[in-house]
């Protein structure tokens, strides 16, 4: 069974404290907007690695593709 955007949202939220989290997708390709204090001081690749760590093996097995916008709370408020 293909994961839903809500499934992916729950997977991320379970492994990463988020102030805002929105996921869209079609079961294989997903786009997430993720706002987390954990991103403060981190480069984009480091932010993505935190999200991939939260998803664990699901990135290999369930989720075909994930695009993401990763922001700190200050960046989110300024946007």
C-alpha atoms as a PDB file:
ATOM      1  CA  UNK A   1       0.000   0.000   0.000  1.00  0.00           C
ATOM      2  CA  UNK A   2       1.319   3.433  -0.933  1.00  0.00           C
ATOM      3  CA  UNK A   3       1.834   5.965   1.859  1.00  0.00           C
ATOM      4  CA  UNK A   4      -0.455   8.985   2.010  1.00  0.00           C
ATOM      5  CA  UNK A   5       0.720  12.545   2.616  1.00  0.00           C
ATOM      6  CA  UNK A   6      -0.686  12.178   6.148  1.00  0.00           C
ATOM      7  CA  UNK A   7       1.449   9.051   6.683  1.00  0.00           C
ATOM      8  CA  UNK A   8       4.584  10.896   5.589  1.00  0.00           C
ATOM      9  CA  UNK A   9       3.672  13.816   7.837  1.00  0.00           C
ATOM     10  CA  UNK A  10       3.318  11.474  10.817  1.00  0.00           C
ATOM     11  CA  UNK A  11       6.637   9.758  10.011  1.00  0.00           C
ATOM     12  CA  UNK A  12       8.481  13.092   9.965  1.00  0.00           C
ATOM     13  CA  UNK A  13       6.735  14.431  13.075  1.00  0.00           C
ATOM     14  CA  UNK A  14       7.585  11.265  15.019  1.00  0.00           C
ATOM     15  CA  UNK A  15      11.298  11.789  14.458  1.00  0.00           C
ATOM     16  CA  UNK A  16      11.691  15.569  14.273  1.00  0.00           C
ATOM     17  CA  UNK A  17      10.144  18.300  16.407  1.00  0.00           C
ATOM     18  CA  UNK A  18       8.350  20.610  13.968  1.00  0.00           C
ATOM     19  CA  UNK A  19       6.627  23.949  14.484  1.00  0.00           C
ATOM     20  CA  UNK A  20       4.942  23.627  11.103  1.00  0.00           C
ATOM     21  CA  UNK A  21       4.691  20.600   8.833  1.00  0.00           C
ATOM     22  CA  UNK A  22       2.723  20.276   5.608  1.00  0.00           C
ATOM     23  CA  UNK A  23       2.994  17.379   3.146  1.00  0.00           C
ATOM     24  CA  UNK A  24       1.437  17.021  -0.292  1.00  0.00           C
ATOM     25  CA  UNK A  25       1.793  14.110  -2.663  1.00  0.00           C
ATOM     26  CA  UNK A  26       0.361  11.304  -4.741  1.00  0.00           C
ATOM     27  CA  UNK A  27       1.605   8.204  -2.923  1.00  0.00           C
ATOM     28  CA  UNK A  28       5.030   8.112  -4.588  1.00  0.00           C
ATOM     29  CA  UNK A  29       6.176  11.719  -4.947  1.00  0.00           C
ATOM     30  CA  UNK A  30       5.860  14.092  -2.017  1.00  0.00           C
ATOM     31  CA  UNK A  31       6.593  17.733  -1.211  1.00  0.00           C
ATOM     32  CA  UNK A  32       7.020  18.800   2.405  1.00  0.00           C
ATOM     33  CA  UNK A  33       7.320  22.201   4.034  1.00  0.00           C
ATOM     34  CA  UNK A  34       9.045  21.667   7.352  1.00  0.00           C
ATOM     35  CA  UNK A  35       9.730  24.308  10.007  1.00  0.00           C
ATOM     36  CA  UNK A  36      11.939  23.198  12.871  1.00  0.00           C
ATOM     37  CA  UNK A  37      14.196  24.817  15.449  1.00  0.00           C
ATOM     38  CA  UNK A  38      16.550  21.881  14.793  1.00  0.00           C
ATOM     39  CA  UNK A  39      17.451  23.503  11.444  1.00  0.00           C
ATOM     40  CA  UNK A  40      18.950  26.589  13.091  1.00  0.00           C
ATOM     41  CA  UNK A  41      22.591  27.004  12.098  1.00  0.00           C
ATOM     42  CA  UNK A  42      22.451  24.111   9.625  1.00  0.00           C
ATOM     43  CA  UNK A  43      23.096  24.172   5.877  1.00  0.00           C
ATOM     44  CA  UNK A  44      20.356  22.871   3.554  1.00  0.00           C
ATOM     45  CA  UNK A  45      21.999  19.449   3.132  1.00  0.00           C
ATOM     46  CA  UNK A  46      22.237  19.048   6.908  1.00  0.00           C
ATOM     47  CA  UNK A  47      18.571  19.968   7.260  1.00  0.00           C
ATOM     48  CA  UNK A  48      17.606  17.362   4.658  1.00  0.00           C
ATOM     49  CA  UNK A  49      19.722  14.768   6.443  1.00  0.00           C
ATOM     50  CA  UNK A  50      17.735  15.397   9.638  1.00  0.00           C
ATOM     51  CA  UNK A  51      14.497  14.765   7.743  1.00  0.00           C
ATOM     52  CA  UNK A  52      15.895  11.622   6.079  1.00  0.00           C
ATOM     53  CA  UNK A  53      17.011  10.376   9.504  1.00  0.00           C
ATOM     54  CA  UNK A  54      13.471  10.898  10.820  1.00  0.00           C
ATOM     55  CA  UNK A  55      12.089   8.873   7.887  1.00  0.00           C
ATOM     56  CA  UNK A  56      14.689   6.121   8.245  1.00  0.00           C
ATOM     57  CA  UNK A  57      14.248   3.094   5.994  1.00  0.00           C
ATOM     58  CA  UNK A  58      10.923   4.419   4.720  1.00  0.00           C
ATOM     59  CA  UNK A  59      12.905   6.510   2.216  1.00  0.00           C
ATOM     60  CA  UNK A  60      14.222   3.291   0.687  1.00  0.00           C
ATOM     61  CA  UNK A  61      11.059   1.210   0.874  1.00  0.00           C
ATOM     62  CA  UNK A  62       7.884   3.321   0.873  1.00  0.00           C
ATOM     63  CA  UNK A  63       8.692   6.822  -0.346  1.00  0.00           C
ATOM     64  CA  UNK A  64       9.867   7.094  -3.936  1.00  0.00           C
ATOM     65  CA  UNK A  65      10.696  10.813  -3.933  1.00  0.00           C
ATOM     66  CA  UNK A  66      10.555  13.638  -1.420  1.00  0.00           C
ATOM     67  CA  UNK A  67      11.161  17.292  -2.194  1.00  0.00           C
ATOM     68  CA  UNK A  68      11.287  19.583   0.779  1.00  0.00           C
ATOM     69  CA  UNK A  69      11.472  23.165   1.883  1.00  0.00           C
ATOM     70  CA  UNK A  70      13.216  23.299   5.260  1.00  0.00           C
ATOM     71  CA  UNK A  71      13.022  26.471   7.310  1.00  0.00           C
ATOM     72  CA  UNK A  72      13.858  27.674  10.801  1.00  0.00           C
ATOM     73  CA  UNK A  73      11.028  29.341  12.716  1.00  0.00           C
ATOM     74  CA  UNK A  74      12.625  32.769  12.051  1.00  0.00           C
ATOM     75  CA  UNK A  75      12.848  32.048   8.311  1.00  0.00           C
ATOM     76  CA  UNK A  76       9.211  30.881   8.317  1.00  0.00           C
ATOM     77  CA  UNK A  77       8.021  34.065  10.059  1.00  0.00           C
ATOM     78  CA  UNK A  78       9.997  36.232   7.591  1.00  0.00           C
ATOM     79  CA  UNK A  79       8.598  34.474   4.517  1.00  0.00           C
END
